[in-house]
C-alpha cells in the first residue's frame, strides 16, 4: 500500500463535493474519459490535442499526475486531502478504480474512497506537513515512513517524529501554509486550555467589544461574554465557548452553547474549537447561521492576523509574529 497526496482544486473548489460524494478527484476537466487509454504515450497525445500550446515540461508534469491518478493509485491505498476551507487534512482509503462520471459541474475524473477521518493539521509533524505542502495535485508521499505514521495518527496514537528536515530542493512547497503551520504549533504549545480563551478574548476586545472572561476552572458553559458599547450594554451580546482539545467538537456542544445563550440572554454565540468540528456540528452550524458562528484553527488564525496590531505588548511577546512579503509562485 501507498500514501498519496490528492488535492481538490487550487482553491479547494472541489473539496466539499469530494467529501460529500466519497471520492477523490482532480482538475483537468477539459480532458475526456480516460478509461480507454492504455499507456502514458496515449494520454500525452490526447493532452496535446486539448492543450496544443502547452510547453514540454508542463505537458510532462501534468500528464504524469493525471496518469498516476488514473492508473498508479491502487485500491486500499491511503489518500490525504489537505483542506482549504479548514485547517485540517482528510484521510481516506481508495475503494475503486478510475471512473469518468459527472458528479458535479467540476467533478468528472474520480476514484471512490472511504473517508476515515478529518484530522487537524497540528496533529501532523512538520516533516509530514512539508511533504503534504508540495505544489502538486497528485503525488506519492514516501519520505520519513509517512504511511505508517499516518496510520498511527488514524488509530489515535502519536506518530514517532521523522527527521525534521525540509523537502528535497526540487520540491516546491507552499511557504504561506508552512508558516501558518508553525504558528499553529506555537499556539497549541503556548495557549492551552484557558489561555486559548484568553487569546479569543483579545481578538474580541480588539474588535471593539467589552469582554468578561470566566476564571480558570469550571465555567458553566461560558468562557467569554462580549458586547458592544462603552459599558457593554449594547447589541450584539455574544456568548463564547472555547474548546482547546485537538478532537473535533460535535453537535452536542453546539446545542449546549445555545442553551447557555438563552440563560445569559445573549443574542449570538461563538463556538471556537481548536480541533475543528464534526460534519454533524457543521451542518447544525449552517442551520444556526443567524445566531452562531463556528471558528476552527483557520478562522482563529485569520482573526489573529487581522487584529494582531491591536494586541497588547504582553500578548505580542507570547505570540511573536512578523509580516513578510514573498513572491507568489504559480502552480
Protein backbone atom coordinates (compact mmCIF):
# COMPACT_ATOMS: atom_id res chain seq x y z
CA UNK A 1 0.00 0.00 0.00
CA UNK A 2 0.99 3.63 -0.50
CA UNK A 3 0.06 7.07 0.79
CA UNK A 4 -0.94 9.64 -1.85
CA UNK A 5 -1.49 13.37 -1.81
CA UNK A 6 -4.53 14.23 -3.94
CA UNK A 7 -5.75 17.84 -3.91
CA UNK A 8 -9.24 19.03 -4.78
CA UNK A 9 -8.70 22.27 -6.65
CA UNK A 10 -6.21 25.09 -6.26
CA UNK A 11 -8.62 26.97 -4.00
CA UNK A 12 -10.48 23.96 -2.61
CA UNK A 13 -13.35 24.38 -5.05
CA UNK A 14 -13.84 20.60 -5.37
CA UNK A 15 -13.23 19.52 -1.78
CA UNK A 16 -16.80 19.71 -0.45
CA UNK A 17 -18.09 17.71 -3.40
CA UNK A 18 -15.31 15.16 -2.92
CA UNK A 19 -16.12 14.71 0.77
CA UNK A 20 -19.88 14.54 0.28
CA UNK A 21 -19.66 12.06 -2.60
CA UNK A 22 -16.89 9.88 -1.08
CA UNK A 23 -14.45 10.39 -3.94
CA UNK A 24 -11.09 11.85 -4.74
CA UNK A 25 -10.93 13.94 -7.87
CA UNK A 26 -8.60 16.08 -9.94
CA UNK A 27 -8.99 19.03 -12.25
CA UNK A 28 -8.24 18.73 -15.95
CA UNK A 29 -11.98 18.56 -16.61
CA UNK A 30 -11.34 19.55 -20.20
CA UNK A 31 -9.92 16.06 -20.76
CA UNK A 32 -12.49 13.42 -21.81
CA UNK A 33 -12.93 9.93 -20.34
CA UNK A 34 -9.50 8.34 -19.81
CA UNK A 35 -10.76 4.78 -19.37
CA UNK A 36 -9.73 3.64 -22.86
CA UNK A 37 -6.12 4.85 -22.59
CA UNK A 38 -3.60 2.07 -22.01
CA UNK A 39 -0.32 3.97 -21.99
CA UNK A 40 1.12 7.27 -20.88
CA UNK A 41 2.03 7.96 -24.51
CA UNK A 42 -1.66 7.78 -25.47
CA UNK A 43 -2.52 10.16 -22.64
CA UNK A 44 0.21 12.58 -23.77
CA UNK A 45 -1.16 12.52 -27.31
CA UNK A 46 -4.66 13.29 -26.02
CA UNK A 47 -3.35 16.03 -23.75
CA UNK A 48 -1.53 17.74 -26.63
CA UNK A 49 -4.72 17.75 -28.71
CA UNK A 50 -6.53 19.52 -25.89
CA UNK A 51 -3.59 21.79 -24.95
CA UNK A 52 -1.64 22.38 -28.18
CA UNK A 53 0.25 25.37 -26.73
CA UNK A 54 1.50 23.65 -23.57
CA UNK A 55 5.27 23.56 -23.12
CA UNK A 56 7.03 20.21 -22.98
CA UNK A 57 7.79 20.46 -19.21
CA UNK A 58 4.18 21.46 -18.48
CA UNK A 59 2.80 18.60 -20.57
CA UNK A 60 5.16 16.07 -18.98
CA UNK A 61 4.33 17.23 -15.45
CA UNK A 62 0.56 17.33 -15.87
CA UNK A 63 0.29 14.09 -17.85
CA UNK A 64 2.34 12.38 -15.15
CA UNK A 65 -0.07 13.49 -12.43
CA UNK A 66 -3.18 12.51 -14.38
CA UNK A 67 -1.66 9.10 -15.19
CA UNK A 68 -0.81 8.47 -11.55
CA UNK A 69 -4.38 9.33 -10.52
CA UNK A 70 -5.95 7.04 -13.12
CA UNK A 71 -3.51 4.08 -13.06
CA UNK A 72 -0.89 4.12 -10.28
CA UNK A 73 -3.12 4.72 -7.25
CA UNK A 74 -4.31 1.29 -6.14
CA UNK A 75 -7.31 0.02 -4.19
CA UNK A 76 -6.71 0.16 -0.42
CA UNK A 77 -4.05 2.88 -0.77
CA UNK A 78 -4.37 5.78 1.66
CA UNK A 79 -5.02 9.29 0.34
CA UNK A 80 -4.52 12.64 2.04
CA UNK A 81 -6.64 15.63 1.02
CA UNK A 82 -5.37 18.92 2.53
CA UNK A 83 -8.45 21.07 3.03
CA UNK A 84 -8.53 24.71 2.04
CA UNK A 85 -11.73 25.57 3.91
CA UNK A 86 -10.46 24.15 7.22
CA UNK A 87 -7.04 23.77 8.85
CA UNK A 88 -7.30 20.02 8.53
CA UNK A 89 -6.39 17.06 6.34
CA UNK A 90 -8.95 14.45 5.30
CA UNK A 91 -7.58 10.88 5.19
CA UNK A 92 -9.31 8.22 3.13
CA UNK A 93 -8.84 4.74 1.72
CA UNK A 94 -9.25 4.07 -2.00
CA UNK A 95 -12.16 1.74 -2.75
CA UNK A 96 -12.40 1.81 -6.53
CA UNK A 97 -10.65 2.27 -9.84
CA UNK A 98 -10.71 5.27 -12.15
CA UNK A 99 -14.15 6.42 -13.35
CA UNK A 100 -15.38 9.23 -15.56
CA UNK A 101 -18.66 10.38 -14.03
CA UNK A 102 -20.30 13.80 -13.87
CA UNK A 103 -20.94 14.18 -10.14
CA UNK A 104 -20.97 18.00 -10.11
CA UNK A 105 -20.15 20.66 -12.65
CA UNK A 106 -16.46 20.49 -11.71
CA UNK A 107 -16.06 16.84 -10.66
CA UNK A 108 -15.67 14.36 -13.53
CA UNK A 109 -12.49 12.28 -13.05
CA UNK A 110 -12.96 10.30 -9.82
CA UNK A 111 -11.85 7.40 -7.63
CA UNK A 112 -14.20 6.10 -4.93
CA UNK A 113 -12.83 6.39 -1.40
CA UNK A 114 -13.91 5.74 2.16
CA UNK A 115 -13.16 8.85 4.21
CA UNK A 116 -11.70 7.65 7.50
CA UNK A 117 -11.07 10.86 9.45
CA UNK A 118 -10.56 14.61 9.19
CA UNK A 119 -7.53 15.46 11.30
CA UNK A 120 -6.30 18.94 12.37
CA UNK A 121 -3.04 19.90 10.67
CA UNK A 122 -1.48 20.42 14.10
CA UNK A 123 -1.66 16.64 14.68
CA UNK A 124 0.95 16.08 11.94
CA UNK A 125 4.68 16.55 12.47
CA UNK A 126 6.28 19.29 10.43
CA UNK A 127 8.14 16.96 8.06
CA UNK A 128 4.82 15.35 7.04
CA UNK A 129 3.32 18.80 6.52
CA UNK A 130 6.31 19.65 4.33
CA UNK A 131 5.50 16.70 2.09
CA UNK A 132 1.78 17.43 2.06
CA UNK A 133 2.55 21.06 1.15
CA UNK A 134 4.15 20.16 -2.19
CA UNK A 135 2.82 22.11 -5.20
CA UNK A 136 1.39 19.02 -6.86
CA UNK A 137 -2.15 17.84 -7.37
CA UNK A 138 -1.24 14.15 -7.22
CA UNK A 139 1.95 12.64 -5.80
CA UNK A 140 3.05 9.70 -3.67
CA UNK A 141 4.19 10.59 -0.12
CA UNK A 142 7.08 8.29 0.76
CA UNK A 143 9.63 10.10 2.90
CA UNK A 144 10.12 9.50 6.63
CA UNK A 145 7.85 6.44 6.88
CA UNK A 146 4.86 8.70 6.15
CA UNK A 147 2.32 5.94 5.52
CA UNK A 148 2.88 4.13 8.84
CA UNK A 149 2.90 7.38 10.79
CA UNK A 150 -0.43 8.43 9.27
CA UNK A 151 -1.84 5.01 10.20
CA UNK A 152 -0.71 5.62 13.78
CA UNK A 153 -2.47 9.00 13.83
CA UNK A 154 -5.63 7.38 12.45
CA UNK A 155 -5.50 4.84 15.27
CA UNK A 156 -5.47 7.65 17.81
CA UNK A 157 -1.79 7.38 18.67
CA UNK A 158 1.09 9.81 18.43
CA UNK A 159 3.32 9.20 15.45
CA UNK A 160 7.04 8.97 16.08
CA UNK A 161 8.60 12.10 14.65
CA UNK A 162 10.59 11.74 11.48
CA UNK A 163 13.71 13.68 10.66
CA UNK A 164 12.54 17.29 10.87
CA UNK A 165 14.14 18.40 7.66
CA UNK A 166 12.99 20.42 4.67
CA UNK A 167 11.97 18.73 1.45
CA UNK A 168 14.42 17.98 -1.30
CA UNK A 169 15.49 21.10 -3.25
CA UNK A 170 13.41 20.02 -6.27
CA UNK A 171 10.20 20.01 -4.22
CA UNK A 172 8.30 23.29 -4.13
CA UNK A 173 6.23 23.94 -1.03
CA UNK A 174 3.56 26.44 -0.09
CA UNK A 175 5.56 28.85 2.07
CA UNK A 176 2.47 30.61 3.46
CA UNK A 177 0.91 27.32 4.55
CA UNK A 178 4.19 26.20 6.12
CA UNK A 179 4.39 29.49 8.08
CA UNK A 180 0.81 29.07 9.30
CA UNK A 181 1.57 25.52 10.41
CA UNK A 182 4.46 26.83 12.51
CA UNK A 183 2.18 29.42 14.12
CA UNK A 184 -0.48 26.80 14.81
CA UNK A 185 2.03 24.57 16.60
CA UNK A 186 3.23 27.53 18.69
CA UNK A 187 -0.34 28.40 19.70
CA UNK A 188 -1.05 24.76 20.53
CA UNK A 189 2.02 24.66 22.80
CA UNK A 190 1.62 28.07 24.47
CA UNK A 191 -2.14 28.63 24.62
CA UNK A 192 -3.67 25.52 26.12
CA UNK A 193 -6.97 25.43 27.99
CA UNK A 194 -7.97 28.77 29.46
CA UNK A 195 -5.14 30.56 27.65
CA UNK A 196 -6.80 29.87 24.30
CA UNK A 197 -9.93 31.58 25.61
CA UNK A 198 -7.71 34.49 26.65
CA UNK A 199 -6.45 34.74 23.07
CA UNK A 200 -10.01 34.72 21.72
CA UNK A 201 -10.92 37.40 24.26
CA UNK A 202 -8.08 39.59 22.98
CA UNK A 203 -9.49 39.31 19.44
CA UNK A 204 -12.99 40.30 20.58
CA UNK A 205 -11.57 43.22 22.57
CA UNK A 206 -9.61 44.35 19.51
CA UNK A 207 -12.86 44.23 17.53
CA UNK A 208 -14.29 46.82 19.92
CA UNK A 209 -16.25 44.62 22.32
CA UNK A 210 -16.33 44.93 26.07
CA UNK A 211 -15.46 41.45 27.34
CA UNK A 212 -15.67 39.46 30.55
CA UNK A 213 -13.68 36.24 30.73
CA UNK A 214 -14.52 33.41 33.10
CA UNK A 215 -11.92 32.46 35.67
CA UNK A 216 -9.94 29.26 35.34
CA UNK A 217 -11.82 26.10 36.25
CA UNK A 218 -15.46 25.11 35.60
CA UNK A 219 -17.11 27.86 33.56
CA UNK A 220 -20.71 26.70 33.32
CA UNK A 221 -20.53 26.68 29.54
CA UNK A 222 -19.37 30.30 29.28
CA UNK A 223 -15.75 31.23 28.59
CA UNK A 224 -16.34 34.82 27.47
CA UNK A 225 -19.22 37.27 27.41
CA UNK A 226 -18.83 40.14 24.94
CA UNK A 227 -20.98 43.08 23.91
CA UNK A 228 -20.76 46.42 22.15
CA UNK A 229 -20.94 49.86 23.71
CA UNK A 230 -18.83 51.73 26.25
CA UNK A 231 -20.08 49.61 29.15
CA UNK A 232 -21.00 46.52 27.15
CA UNK A 233 -24.75 47.12 27.28
CA UNK A 234 -25.28 47.48 23.52
CA UNK A 235 -26.02 44.86 20.89
CA UNK A 236 -24.84 42.38 19.84
CA UNK A 237 -24.49 40.45 23.07
CA UNK A 238 -22.29 37.39 22.49
CA UNK A 239 -21.73 34.22 24.50
CA UNK A 240 -18.45 32.45 23.68
CA UNK A 241 -17.36 28.87 24.32
CA UNK A 242 -13.75 27.87 23.56
CA UNK A 243 -12.59 24.26 23.21
CA UNK A 244 -8.82 23.75 23.09
CA UNK A 245 -8.90 19.97 22.60
CA UNK A 246 -7.44 18.53 19.39
CA UNK A 247 -10.58 16.37 18.96
CA UNK A 248 -13.42 17.67 16.76
CA UNK A 249 -16.42 19.14 18.57
CA UNK A 250 -19.80 17.52 17.89
CA UNK A 251 -23.31 18.96 17.71
CA UNK A 252 -23.94 18.35 21.43
CA UNK A 253 -21.52 21.15 22.33
CA UNK A 254 -23.27 23.46 19.87
CA UNK A 255 -26.63 22.71 21.47
CA UNK A 256 -25.17 23.30 24.93
CA UNK A 257 -24.00 26.73 23.78
CA UNK A 258 -27.50 27.50 22.50
CA UNK A 259 -28.88 26.64 25.94
CA UNK A 260 -26.37 28.87 27.72
CA UNK A 261 -27.11 31.72 25.29
CA UNK A 262 -30.74 31.61 26.40
CA UNK A 263 -29.73 31.56 30.07
CA UNK A 264 -27.48 34.65 29.85
CA UNK A 265 -29.79 36.39 27.32
CA UNK A 266 -27.15 36.51 24.60
CA UNK A 267 -28.42 37.12 21.09
CA UNK A 268 -25.47 35.48 19.38
CA UNK A 269 -22.94 32.78 20.12
CA UNK A 270 -19.40 31.97 19.09
CA UNK A 271 -18.04 28.42 19.35
CA UNK A 272 -14.28 28.16 18.92
CA UNK A 273 -12.91 24.62 18.51
CA UNK A 274 -9.18 24.12 18.09
CA UNK A 275 -9.74 20.56 16.86
CA UNK A 276 -12.43 21.58 14.38
CA UNK A 277 -15.96 20.24 14.08
CA UNK A 278 -17.68 17.03 13.12
CA UNK A 279 -19.80 17.09 9.96
CA UNK A 280 -22.99 16.96 12.04
CA UNK A 281 -21.87 20.00 14.01
CA UNK A 282 -21.01 21.89 10.82
CA UNK A 283 -24.47 21.13 9.44
CA UNK A 284 -26.21 22.38 12.57
CA UNK A 285 -23.95 25.41 12.46
CA UNK A 286 -25.25 26.21 8.97
CA UNK A 287 -28.82 25.98 10.23
CA UNK A 288 -27.94 28.40 13.07
CA UNK A 289 -26.22 30.90 10.74
CA UNK A 290 -28.07 33.94 12.08
CA UNK A 291 -27.25 33.22 15.72
CA UNK A 292 -23.98 31.25 15.95
CA UNK A 293 -20.54 31.33 14.36
CA UNK A 294 -18.04 28.46 14.35
CA UNK A 295 -14.30 29.14 14.37
CA UNK A 296 -11.73 26.40 13.79
CA UNK A 297 -7.95 26.78 13.61
CA UNK A 298 -8.09 28.52 10.24
CA UNK A 299 -10.74 31.02 11.33
CA UNK A 300 -8.84 31.79 14.52
CA UNK A 301 -5.63 32.38 12.58
CA UNK A 302 -7.41 34.73 10.18
CA UNK A 303 -8.70 36.78 13.10
CA UNK A 304 -5.27 36.86 14.75
CA UNK A 305 -3.67 38.15 11.56
CA UNK A 306 -6.39 40.77 11.13
CA UNK A 307 -6.23 42.19 14.66
CA UNK A 308 -2.68 41.37 15.75
CA UNK A 309 -1.52 45.00 15.68
CA UNK A 310 -4.19 45.84 18.27
CA UNK A 311 -2.99 43.22 20.79
CA UNK A 312 -1.19 44.49 23.89
CA UNK A 313 2.57 44.13 24.16
CA UNK A 314 2.38 41.28 26.67
CA UNK A 315 0.30 39.13 24.32
CA UNK A 316 2.54 40.01 21.37
CA UNK A 317 5.52 38.79 23.40
CA UNK A 318 3.75 35.47 23.95
CA UNK A 319 2.85 35.25 20.26
CA UNK A 320 5.66 36.99 18.33
CA UNK A 321 4.67 37.41 14.68
CA UNK A 322 6.14 39.39 11.80
CA UNK A 323 4.54 40.22 8.47
CA UNK A 324 6.68 39.30 5.46
CA UNK A 325 6.38 39.60 1.69
CA UNK A 326 7.02 36.62 -0.59
CA UNK A 327 6.88 36.11 -4.32
CA UNK A 328 3.75 34.20 -5.34
CA UNK A 329 4.60 31.04 -7.28
CA UNK A 330 2.06 29.80 -9.78
CA UNK A 331 1.21 26.10 -9.61
